[in-house]
C-alpha atoms as a PDB file:
ATOM      1  CA  MET A   1     -21.972  33.294  15.088  1.00  0.00           C
ATOM      2  CA  ALA A   2     -23.071  34.995  11.882  1.00  0.00           C
ATOM      3  CA  ARG A   3     -24.671  32.901   9.156  1.00  0.00           C
ATOM      4  CA  ASP A   4     -22.004  33.858   6.601  1.00  0.00           C
ATOM      5  CA  PHE A   5     -19.331  32.462   8.951  1.00  0.00           C
ATOM      6  CA  ARG A   6     -21.023  29.053   8.940  1.00  0.00           C
ATOM      7  CA  GLN A   7     -20.974  28.990   5.169  1.00  0.00           C
ATOM      8  CA  HIS A   8     -17.250  28.301   5.386  1.00  0.00           C
ATOM      9  CA  PHE A   9     -17.991  24.954   7.032  1.00  0.00           C
ATOM     10  CA  ARG A  10     -20.011  21.863   6.153  1.00  0.00           C
ATOM     11  CA  ALA A  11     -23.623  21.677   7.293  1.00  0.00           C
ATOM     12  CA  GLU A  12     -22.932  18.605   9.417  1.00  0.00           C
ATOM     13  CA  GLU A  13     -20.264  20.543  11.316  1.00  0.00           C
ATOM     14  CA  GLY A  14     -22.916  22.893  12.696  1.00  0.00           C
ATOM     15  CA  ALA A  15     -23.430  20.843  15.859  1.00  0.00           C
ATOM     16  CA  PHE A  16     -19.711  20.979  16.662  1.00  0.00           C
ATOM     17  CA  ILE A  17     -19.648  24.728  15.993  1.00  0.00           C
ATOM     18  CA  ASP A  18     -22.523  25.143  18.450  1.00  0.00           C
ATOM     19  CA  GLN A  19     -20.598  23.096  21.021  1.00  0.00           C
ATOM     20  CA  VAL A  20     -17.483  25.228  20.577  1.00  0.00           C
ATOM     21  CA  GLN A  21     -19.558  28.369  21.069  1.00  0.00           C
ATOM     22  CA  ASP A  22     -20.903  26.911  24.318  1.00  0.00           C
ATOM     23  CA  TRP A  23     -17.365  26.178  25.512  1.00  0.00           C
ATOM     24  CA  LEU A  24     -16.287  29.696  24.612  1.00  0.00           C
ATOM     25  CA  GLN A  25     -19.183  31.214  26.534  1.00  0.00           C
ATOM     26  CA  GLN A  26     -18.470  28.978  29.504  1.00  0.00           C
ATOM     27  CA  ALA A  27     -14.767  29.872  29.613  1.00  0.00           C
ATOM     28  CA  SER A  28     -15.568  33.570  29.244  1.00  0.00           C
ATOM     29  CA  GLY A  29     -18.605  33.735  31.500  1.00  0.00           C
ATOM     30  CA  GLU A  30     -17.169  31.629  34.318  1.00  0.00           C
ATOM     31  CA  TYR A  31     -13.642  32.968  33.801  1.00  0.00           C
ATOM     32  CA  ARG A  32     -12.056  29.530  34.044  1.00  0.00           C
ATOM     33  CA  PRO A  33     -10.508  26.899  31.743  1.00  0.00           C
ATOM     34  CA  VAL A  34     -12.821  24.397  30.027  1.00  0.00           C
ATOM     35  CA  LEU A  35     -11.431  21.007  29.015  1.00  0.00           C
ATOM     36  CA  THR A  36     -13.084  18.905  26.299  1.00  0.00           C
ATOM     37  CA  ASP A  37     -12.956  15.349  25.032  1.00  0.00           C
ATOM     38  CA  PHE A  38     -10.581  14.401  22.218  1.00  0.00           C
ATOM     39  CA  ALA A  39     -11.018  16.188  18.899  1.00  0.00           C
ATOM     40  CA  ASN A  40      -9.806  15.237  15.438  1.00  0.00           C
ATOM     41  CA  PRO A  41      -7.586  17.557  13.337  1.00  0.00           C
ATOM     42  CA  ARG A  42     -10.525  19.065  11.477  1.00  0.00           C
ATOM     43  CA  GLN A  43     -12.294  19.869  14.756  1.00  0.00           C
ATOM     44  CA  VAL A  44      -9.121  21.420  16.161  1.00  0.00           C
ATOM     45  CA  TYR A  45      -9.005  23.659  13.097  1.00  0.00           C
ATOM     46  CA  ILE A  46     -12.661  24.657  13.498  1.00  0.00           C
ATOM     47  CA  ALA A  47     -12.174  25.406  17.198  1.00  0.00           C
ATOM     48  CA  GLN A  48      -9.097  27.539  16.531  1.00  0.00           C
ATOM     49  CA  THR A  49     -10.951  29.442  13.798  1.00  0.00           C
ATOM     50  CA  LEU A  50     -13.763  30.310  16.219  1.00  0.00           C
ATOM     51  CA  VAL A  51     -11.369  31.245  19.018  1.00  0.00           C
ATOM     52  CA  ASN A  52      -9.645  33.657  16.643  1.00  0.00           C
ATOM     53  CA  GLN A  53     -12.924  35.607  16.478  1.00  0.00           C
ATOM     54  CA  VAL A  54     -12.935  36.469  20.201  1.00  0.00           C
ATOM     55  CA  ASP A  55     -10.603  38.458  22.424  1.00  0.00           C
ATOM     56  CA  ASP A  56     -11.036  37.049  25.914  1.00  0.00           C
ATOM     57  CA  VAL A  57     -10.564  33.287  25.400  1.00  0.00           C
ATOM     58  CA  LYS A  58      -7.576  31.345  24.063  1.00  0.00           C
ATOM     59  CA  LEU A  59      -7.181  27.732  22.941  1.00  0.00           C
ATOM     60  CA  ALA A  60      -4.565  25.102  23.687  1.00  0.00           C
ATOM     61  CA  HIS A  61      -4.660  21.492  22.478  1.00  0.00           C
ATOM     62  CA  TRP A  62      -2.580  18.457  23.376  1.00  0.00           C
ATOM     63  CA  GLY A  63      -2.736  14.729  22.722  1.00  0.00           C
ATOM     64  CA  GLY A  64       0.152  13.466  24.841  1.00  0.00           C
ATOM     65  CA  TYR A  65       2.971  13.859  22.330  1.00  0.00           C
ATOM     66  CA  PRO A  66       3.954  16.242  19.484  1.00  0.00           C
ATOM     67  CA  ARG A  67       1.881  15.899  16.290  1.00  0.00           C
ATOM     68  CA  ALA A  68      -0.806  13.775  17.948  1.00  0.00           C
ATOM     69  CA  GLU A  69      -3.851  13.384  15.720  1.00  0.00           C
ATOM     70  CA  MET A  70      -6.491  13.239  18.443  1.00  0.00           C
ATOM     71  CA  GLN A  71      -6.122  16.035  20.996  1.00  0.00           C
ATOM     72  CA  ARG A  72      -8.103  17.425  23.896  1.00  0.00           C
ATOM     73  CA  LEU A  73      -9.038  21.088  23.667  1.00  0.00           C
ATOM     74  CA  LEU A  74      -8.577  23.553  26.490  1.00  0.00           C
ATOM     75  CA  PHE A  75     -10.395  26.892  26.273  1.00  0.00           C
ATOM     76  CA  TYR A  76      -9.016  29.311  28.824  1.00  0.00           C
ATOM     77  CA  PRO A  77      -9.090  33.004  29.845  1.00  0.00           C
ATOM     78  CA  ALA A  78      -6.012  35.156  29.337  1.00  0.00           C
ATOM     79  CA  TYR A  79      -4.806  34.914  32.957  1.00  0.00           C
ATOM     80  CA  PHE A  80      -4.450  31.118  32.787  1.00  0.00           C
ATOM     81  CA  GLU A  81      -1.175  29.454  31.735  1.00  0.00           C
ATOM     82  CA  PRO A  82      -1.898  25.856  30.615  1.00  0.00           C
ATOM     83  CA  THR A  83       0.516  22.972  31.141  1.00  0.00           C
ATOM     84  CA  ALA A  84       0.454  19.373  29.922  1.00  0.00           C
ATOM     85  CA  ALA A  85      -0.982  18.291  33.285  1.00  0.00           C
ATOM     86  CA  ASP A  86      -4.104  20.394  32.657  1.00  0.00           C
ATOM     87  CA  PHE A  87      -5.168  18.030  29.867  1.00  0.00           C
ATOM     88  CA  ASN A  88      -5.714  15.127  32.317  1.00  0.00           C
ATOM     89  CA  LEU A  89      -4.223  12.447  30.097  1.00  0.00           C
ATOM     90  CA  ALA A  90      -3.040   8.949  30.911  1.00  0.00           C
ATOM     91  CA  LEU A  91      -0.804   6.680  28.843  1.00  0.00           C
ATOM     92  CA  LEU A  92      -1.520   2.946  28.922  1.00  0.00           C
ATOM     93  CA  ALA A  93       0.779   0.305  27.451  1.00  0.00           C
ATOM     94  CA  VAL A  94      -0.822  -2.866  26.094  1.00  0.00           C
ATOM     95  CA  ALA A  95       0.959  -5.844  27.649  1.00  0.00           C
ATOM     96  CA  TYR A  96       0.364  -9.145  25.831  1.00  0.00           C
ATOM     97  CA  PRO A  97       2.318 -12.324  24.883  1.00  0.00           C
ATOM     98  CA  VAL A  98       4.238 -10.840  21.968  1.00  0.00           C
ATOM     99  CA  LYS A  99       6.015 -14.113  21.135  1.00  0.00           C
ATOM    100  CA  PHE A 100       2.758 -15.988  20.591  1.00  0.00           C
ATOM    101  CA  MET A 101       0.235 -13.382  19.423  1.00  0.00           C
ATOM    102  CA  GLU A 102       0.099 -10.577  16.899  1.00  0.00           C
ATOM    103  CA  LEU A 103      -2.025  -7.485  17.444  1.00  0.00           C
ATOM    104  CA  HIS A 104      -3.135  -4.844  14.985  1.00  0.00           C
ATOM    105  CA  HIS A 105      -4.150  -1.214  15.394  1.00  0.00           C
ATOM    106  CA  ARG A 106      -7.705  -1.954  14.235  1.00  0.00           C
ATOM    107  CA  GLN A 107      -8.094  -4.667  16.898  1.00  0.00           C
ATOM    108  CA  VAL A 108      -7.137  -2.322  19.723  1.00  0.00           C
ATOM    109  CA  MET A 109      -9.444   0.354  18.339  1.00  0.00           C
ATOM    110  CA  GLY A 110     -12.301  -2.132  17.881  1.00  0.00           C
ATOM    111  CA  THR A 111     -11.938  -3.423  21.423  1.00  0.00           C
ATOM    112  CA  LEU A 112     -12.136   0.038  22.968  1.00  0.00           C
ATOM    113  CA  ILE A 113     -15.187   0.950  20.862  1.00  0.00           C
ATOM    114  CA  GLY A 114     -16.733  -2.451  21.595  1.00  0.00           C
ATOM    115  CA  GLU A 115     -16.508  -1.761  25.323  1.00  0.00           C
ATOM    116  CA  GLY A 116     -18.786   1.240  24.834  1.00  0.00           C
ATOM    117  CA  LEU A 117     -16.169   3.983  24.672  1.00  0.00           C
ATOM    118  CA  GLU A 118     -16.872   6.868  22.324  1.00  0.00           C
ATOM    119  CA  ARG A 119     -14.094   7.724  19.883  1.00  0.00           C
ATOM    120  CA  THR A 120     -13.764  11.067  21.670  1.00  0.00           C
ATOM    121  CA  ALA A 121     -12.906   9.310  24.954  1.00  0.00           C
ATOM    122  CA  PHE A 122      -9.434   8.190  23.910  1.00  0.00           C
ATOM    123  CA  GLY A 123      -6.688   9.616  21.777  1.00  0.00           C
ATOM    124  CA  ASP A 124      -4.099   8.065  19.511  1.00  0.00           C
ATOM    125  CA  ILE A 125      -3.218   4.390  19.494  1.00  0.00           C
ATOM    126  CA  LEU A 126       0.555   4.275  19.099  1.00  0.00           C
ATOM    127  CA  ARG A 127       2.433   1.363  17.597  1.00  0.00           C
ATOM    128  CA  GLN A 128       6.155   0.723  17.439  1.00  0.00           C
ATOM    129  CA  GLU A 129       6.909  -2.720  16.016  1.00  0.00           C
ATOM    130  CA  GLN A 130       4.799  -5.010  18.239  1.00  0.00           C
ATOM    131  CA  ARG A 131       4.399  -2.554  21.101  1.00  0.00           C
ATOM    132  CA  PHE A 132       1.185  -0.593  21.592  1.00  0.00           C
ATOM    133  CA  GLN A 133       0.200   2.348  23.768  1.00  0.00           C
ATOM    134  CA  VAL A 134      -3.087   4.223  24.070  1.00  0.00           C
ATOM    135  CA  VAL A 135      -3.628   7.824  25.192  1.00  0.00           C
ATOM    136  CA  VAL A 136      -6.826   8.111  27.234  1.00  0.00           C
ATOM    137  CA  LYS A 137      -8.658  10.519  29.479  1.00  0.00           C
ATOM    138  CA  GLN A 138      -7.232  10.134  32.960  1.00  0.00           C
ATOM    139  CA  GLU A 139     -10.609   9.371  34.496  1.00  0.00           C
ATOM    140  CA  LEU A 140     -11.145   6.429  32.128  1.00  0.00           C
ATOM    141  CA  ALA A 141      -7.855   4.681  32.845  1.00  0.00           C
ATOM    142  CA  PRO A 142      -9.165   2.684  35.861  1.00  0.00           C
ATOM    143  CA  PHE A 143     -12.144   1.378  33.853  1.00  0.00           C
ATOM    144  CA  ILE A 144      -9.956   0.283  30.944  1.00  0.00           C
ATOM    145  CA  ARG A 145      -7.459  -1.412  33.252  1.00  0.00           C
ATOM    146  CA  GLN A 146     -10.117  -3.296  35.180  1.00  0.00           C
ATOM    147  CA  GLU A 147     -12.643  -4.184  32.472  1.00  0.00           C
ATOM    148  CA  ILE A 148     -10.671  -4.856  29.297  1.00  0.00           C
ATOM    149  CA  THR A 149      -8.733  -8.105  29.526  1.00  0.00           C
ATOM    150  CA  HIS A 150      -8.705  -9.261  25.903  1.00  0.00           C
ATOM    151  CA  VAL A 151      -7.961  -7.774  22.502  1.00  0.00           C
ATOM    152  CA  GLY A 152      -9.153 -10.291  19.981  1.00  0.00           C
ATOM    153  CA  LYS A 153      -7.939 -13.664  21.253  1.00  0.00           C
ATOM    154  CA  ALA A 154      -4.999 -12.166  23.099  1.00  0.00           C
ATOM    155  CA  ARG A 155      -5.142 -11.758  26.858  1.00  0.00           C
ATOM    156  CA  VAL A 156      -3.910  -8.280  27.692  1.00  0.00           C
ATOM    157  CA  LYS A 157      -3.218  -5.891  30.517  1.00  0.00           C
ATOM    158  CA  PHE A 158      -3.310  -2.122  30.186  1.00  0.00           C
ATOM    159  CA  VAL A 159      -0.344  -0.874  32.197  1.00  0.00           C
ATOM    160  CA  PRO A 160       0.162   2.804  33.144  1.00  0.00           C
ATOM    161  CA  VAL A 161       3.405   4.322  31.855  1.00  0.00           C
ATOM    162  CA  ASP A 162       4.891   7.776  32.082  1.00  0.00           C
ATOM    163  CA  PHE A 163       4.614  10.054  29.073  1.00  0.00           C
ATOM    164  CA  ALA A 164       8.412  10.281  29.078  1.00  0.00           C
ATOM    165  CA  ALA A 165       8.281   6.741  27.648  1.00  0.00           C
ATOM    166  CA  VAL A 166       5.735   7.475  24.918  1.00  0.00           C
ATOM    167  CA  LEU A 167       6.363   5.518  21.725  1.00  0.00           C
ATOM    168  CA  THR A 168       7.355   7.096  18.456  1.00  0.00           C
ATOM    169  CA  PRO A 169       4.684   5.791  16.075  1.00  0.00           C
ATOM    170  CA  ASP A 170       5.652   3.602  13.112  1.00  0.00           C
ATOM    171  CA  VAL A 171       4.075   6.032  10.679  1.00  0.00           C
ATOM    172  CA  ASP A 172       5.911   7.465   7.697  1.00  0.00           C
ATOM    173  CA  TRP A 173       3.825  10.257   6.175  1.00  0.00           C
ATOM    174  CA  GLU A 174       4.888  11.068   2.634  1.00  0.00           C
ATOM    175  CA  PRO A 175       4.117  14.578   1.322  1.00  0.00           C
ATOM    176  CA  LEU A 176       2.276  14.865  -1.978  1.00  0.00           C
ATOM    177  CA  GLN A 177       1.544  17.995  -3.965  1.00  0.00           C
ATOM    178  CA  THR A 178      -0.934  17.450  -6.769  1.00  0.00           C
ATOM    179  CA  THR A 179      -4.030  18.844  -8.425  1.00  0.00           C
ATOM    180  CA  VAL A 180      -7.640  17.681  -8.344  1.00  0.00           C
ATOM    181  CA  ALA A 181     -10.697  18.673 -10.340  1.00  0.00           C
ATOM    182  CA  SER A 182     -12.625  19.208  -7.110  1.00  0.00           C
ATOM    183  CA  LEU A 183     -12.569  18.317  -3.414  1.00  0.00           C
ATOM    184  CA  ARG A 184     -15.045  15.479  -3.913  1.00  0.00           C
ATOM    185  CA  LEU A 185     -14.094  12.443  -1.883  1.00  0.00           C
ATOM    186  CA  ASP A 186     -13.670  10.216  -4.949  1.00  0.00           C
ATOM    187  CA  ALA A 187     -11.417  12.772  -6.644  1.00  0.00           C
ATOM    188  CA  VAL A 188      -9.108  13.080  -3.624  1.00  0.00           C
ATOM    189  CA  VAL A 189      -8.951   9.311  -2.999  1.00  0.00           C
ATOM    190  CA  ALA A 190      -8.130   8.746  -6.676  1.00  0.00           C
ATOM    191  CA  ALA A 191      -5.363  11.370  -6.619  1.00  0.00           C
ATOM    192  CA  GLY A 192      -3.902  10.267  -3.294  1.00  0.00           C
ATOM    193  CA  PHE A 193      -3.744   6.536  -3.961  1.00  0.00           C
ATOM    194  CA  ASN A 194      -3.377   6.534  -7.744  1.00  0.00           C
ATOM    195  CA  TYR A 195      -6.798   4.950  -8.214  1.00  0.00           C
ATOM    196  CA  SER A 196      -8.984   5.368 -11.253  1.00  0.00           C
ATOM    197  CA  ARG A 197     -11.977   7.594 -10.539  1.00  0.00           C
ATOM    198  CA  ASN A 198     -14.268   4.556 -10.959  1.00  0.00           C
ATOM    199  CA  ARG A 199     -12.245   2.444  -8.531  1.00  0.00           C
ATOM    200  CA  ALA A 200     -12.290   5.268  -5.979  1.00  0.00           C
ATOM    201  CA  LYS A 201     -16.064   5.605  -6.393  1.00  0.00           C
ATOM    202  CA  GLN A 202     -16.630   1.862  -5.858  1.00  0.00           C
ATOM    203  CA  THR A 203     -14.314   1.796  -2.837  1.00  0.00           C
ATOM    204  CA  ILE A 204     -16.291   4.602  -1.212  1.00  0.00           C
ATOM    205  CA  GLU A 205     -19.694   3.095  -2.013  1.00  0.00           C
ATOM    206  CA  LYS A 206     -18.600  -0.198  -0.416  1.00  0.00           C
ATOM    207  CA  GLY A 207     -18.071   1.615   2.883  1.00  0.00           C
ATOM    208  CA  LEU A 208     -14.284   1.222   2.843  1.00  0.00           C
ATOM    209  CA  VAL A 209     -13.473   4.895   3.384  1.00  0.00           C
ATOM    210  CA  ARG A 210     -13.617   6.871   6.606  1.00  0.00           C
ATOM    211  CA  VAL A 211     -13.362  10.635   6.953  1.00  0.00           C
ATOM    212  CA  ASN A 212     -12.392  11.814  10.429  1.00  0.00           C
ATOM    213  CA  TRP A 213     -13.196   8.298  11.733  1.00  0.00           C
ATOM    214  CA  GLU A 214     -16.704   8.221  10.253  1.00  0.00           C
ATOM    215  CA  THR A 215     -17.619   5.938   7.354  1.00  0.00           C
ATOM    216  CA  ILE A 216     -18.638   7.992   4.315  1.00  0.00           C
ATOM    217  CA  ASP A 217     -20.233   6.144   1.367  1.00  0.00           C
ATOM    218  CA  ARG A 218     -20.952   9.194  -0.812  1.00  0.00           C
ATOM    219  CA  PRO A 219     -18.404   9.728  -3.613  1.00  0.00           C
ATOM    220  CA  ASP A 220     -19.561  13.361  -3.925  1.00  0.00           C
ATOM    221  CA  TYR A 221     -18.863  14.145  -0.260  1.00  0.00           C
ATOM    222  CA  GLU A 222     -16.992  17.464  -0.172  1.00  0.00           C
ATOM    223  CA  LEU A 223     -13.702  17.468   1.710  1.00  0.00           C
ATOM    224  CA  ASP A 224     -11.891  20.401   3.251  1.00  0.00           C
ATOM    225  CA  GLU A 225      -8.558  21.277   4.826  1.00  0.00           C
ATOM    226  CA  TYR A 226      -7.434  19.135   7.789  1.00  0.00           C
ATOM    227  CA  ASP A 227      -9.719  16.218   6.926  1.00  0.00           C
ATOM    228  CA  LEU A 228      -8.185  12.835   7.729  1.00  0.00           C
ATOM    229  CA  LEU A 229      -9.051   9.877   5.501  1.00  0.00           C
ATOM    230  CA  SER A 230      -8.615   6.157   6.014  1.00  0.00           C
ATOM    231  CA  VAL A 231      -8.992   3.851   2.992  1.00  0.00           C
ATOM    232  CA  ARG A 232      -9.095   0.158   3.813  1.00  0.00           C
ATOM    233  CA  HIS A 233      -6.277  -1.800   2.161  1.00  0.00           C
ATOM    234  CA  ALA A 234      -4.773   1.428   0.790  1.00  0.00           C
ATOM    235  CA  GLY A 235      -3.687   3.604   3.704  1.00  0.00           C
ATOM    236  CA  ARG A 236      -4.365   6.999   5.208  1.00  0.00           C
ATOM    237  CA  LEU A 237      -4.435  10.526   3.814  1.00  0.00           C
ATOM    238  CA  ARG A 238      -4.331  13.989   5.371  1.00  0.00           C
ATOM    239  CA  LEU A 239      -5.585  16.936   3.345  1.00  0.00           C
ATOM    240  CA  GLN A 240      -3.158  19.550   4.583  1.00  0.00           C
ATOM    241  CA  ALA A 241      -3.788  22.579   2.377  1.00  0.00           C
ATOM    242  CA  VAL A 242      -6.000  23.667  -0.498  1.00  0.00           C
ATOM    243  CA  GLY A 243      -4.626  26.300  -2.844  1.00  0.00           C
ATOM    244  CA  ASN A 244      -5.888  28.207  -5.846  1.00  0.00           C
ATOM    245  CA  ARG A 245      -6.907  26.801  -9.211  1.00  0.00           C
ATOM    246  CA  ASN A 246      -4.302  26.555 -11.969  1.00  0.00           C
ATOM    247  CA  ARG A 247      -4.701  27.497 -15.623  1.00  0.00           C
ATOM    248  CA  LYS A 248      -6.428  24.194 -16.282  1.00  0.00           C
ATOM    249  CA  ASP A 249      -8.966  25.043 -13.567  1.00  0.00           C
ATOM    250  CA  LYS A 250      -7.685  22.354 -11.224  1.00  0.00           C
ATOM    251  CA  LEU A 251      -7.194  22.883  -7.492  1.00  0.00           C
ATOM    252  CA  ARG A 252      -3.699  22.728  -6.089  1.00  0.00           C
ATOM    253  CA  VAL A 253      -3.664  20.582  -2.937  1.00  0.00           C
ATOM    254  CA  GLU A 254      -1.095  19.402  -0.423  1.00  0.00           C
ATOM    255  CA  MET A 255      -1.574  15.966   1.115  1.00  0.00           C
ATOM    256  CA  ALA A 256       0.317  13.567   3.323  1.00  0.00           C
ATOM    257  CA  ILE A 257      -0.011   9.849   2.598  1.00  0.00           C
ATOM    258  CA  VAL A 258       0.702   6.651   4.513  1.00  0.00           C
ATOM    259  CA  LYS A 259       0.491   3.548   2.339  1.00  0.00           C
ATOM    260  CA  ALA A 260      -0.894   0.383   3.900  1.00  0.00           C
END
């Protein structure tokens, strides 16, 4: 890929760009579909941008239900017609004593990571009231069912369920159109959660902010479209679109916010 193309992306995204190029070459050279691990919204955007530069490979992505955040990517030649089954997903319900215990999203996430699973190995963790489901790679479902018996202090079982019974997440994204001086992390956090710039800076430096599931402690970190932020004790933010600057030289941005 040409150097000027990479200038549209962050330096740390170079490794993922290289991986996408390898997948593209594999799908084209071997003339077969190539399935990946789970990707976050920003990575899906990068992959689609690269696929748009070629003629012989297409991209499909699916995370088990419409508007899933984490999705597996499928690069495929023109002859192939992908279906949901080609993404090799499994849906596991978390069975636990609801009357006596309370679980939280972060506990389920922490347990899966604590068992050695990479974040790319499983998709969204869905919650509806006190019910939880997890979308995982099909080949990992037996390991999770056999090896993970506790989430926090709660004894649990991961039970396979059909995707026809997938939960509708208890997430209410609120749209927000605003302006920011720049796409610095502290500027976007301040605008999204009505923080002062100083409070946003301190929150970031304390390690309380994640961008695409990675902790970022640099207030000057530059964001871009499709980044997904999590701010502890505040909520979550999706940077959906970045527009032009207005007469006051501020960037018009579209976000979606979930308050904690």
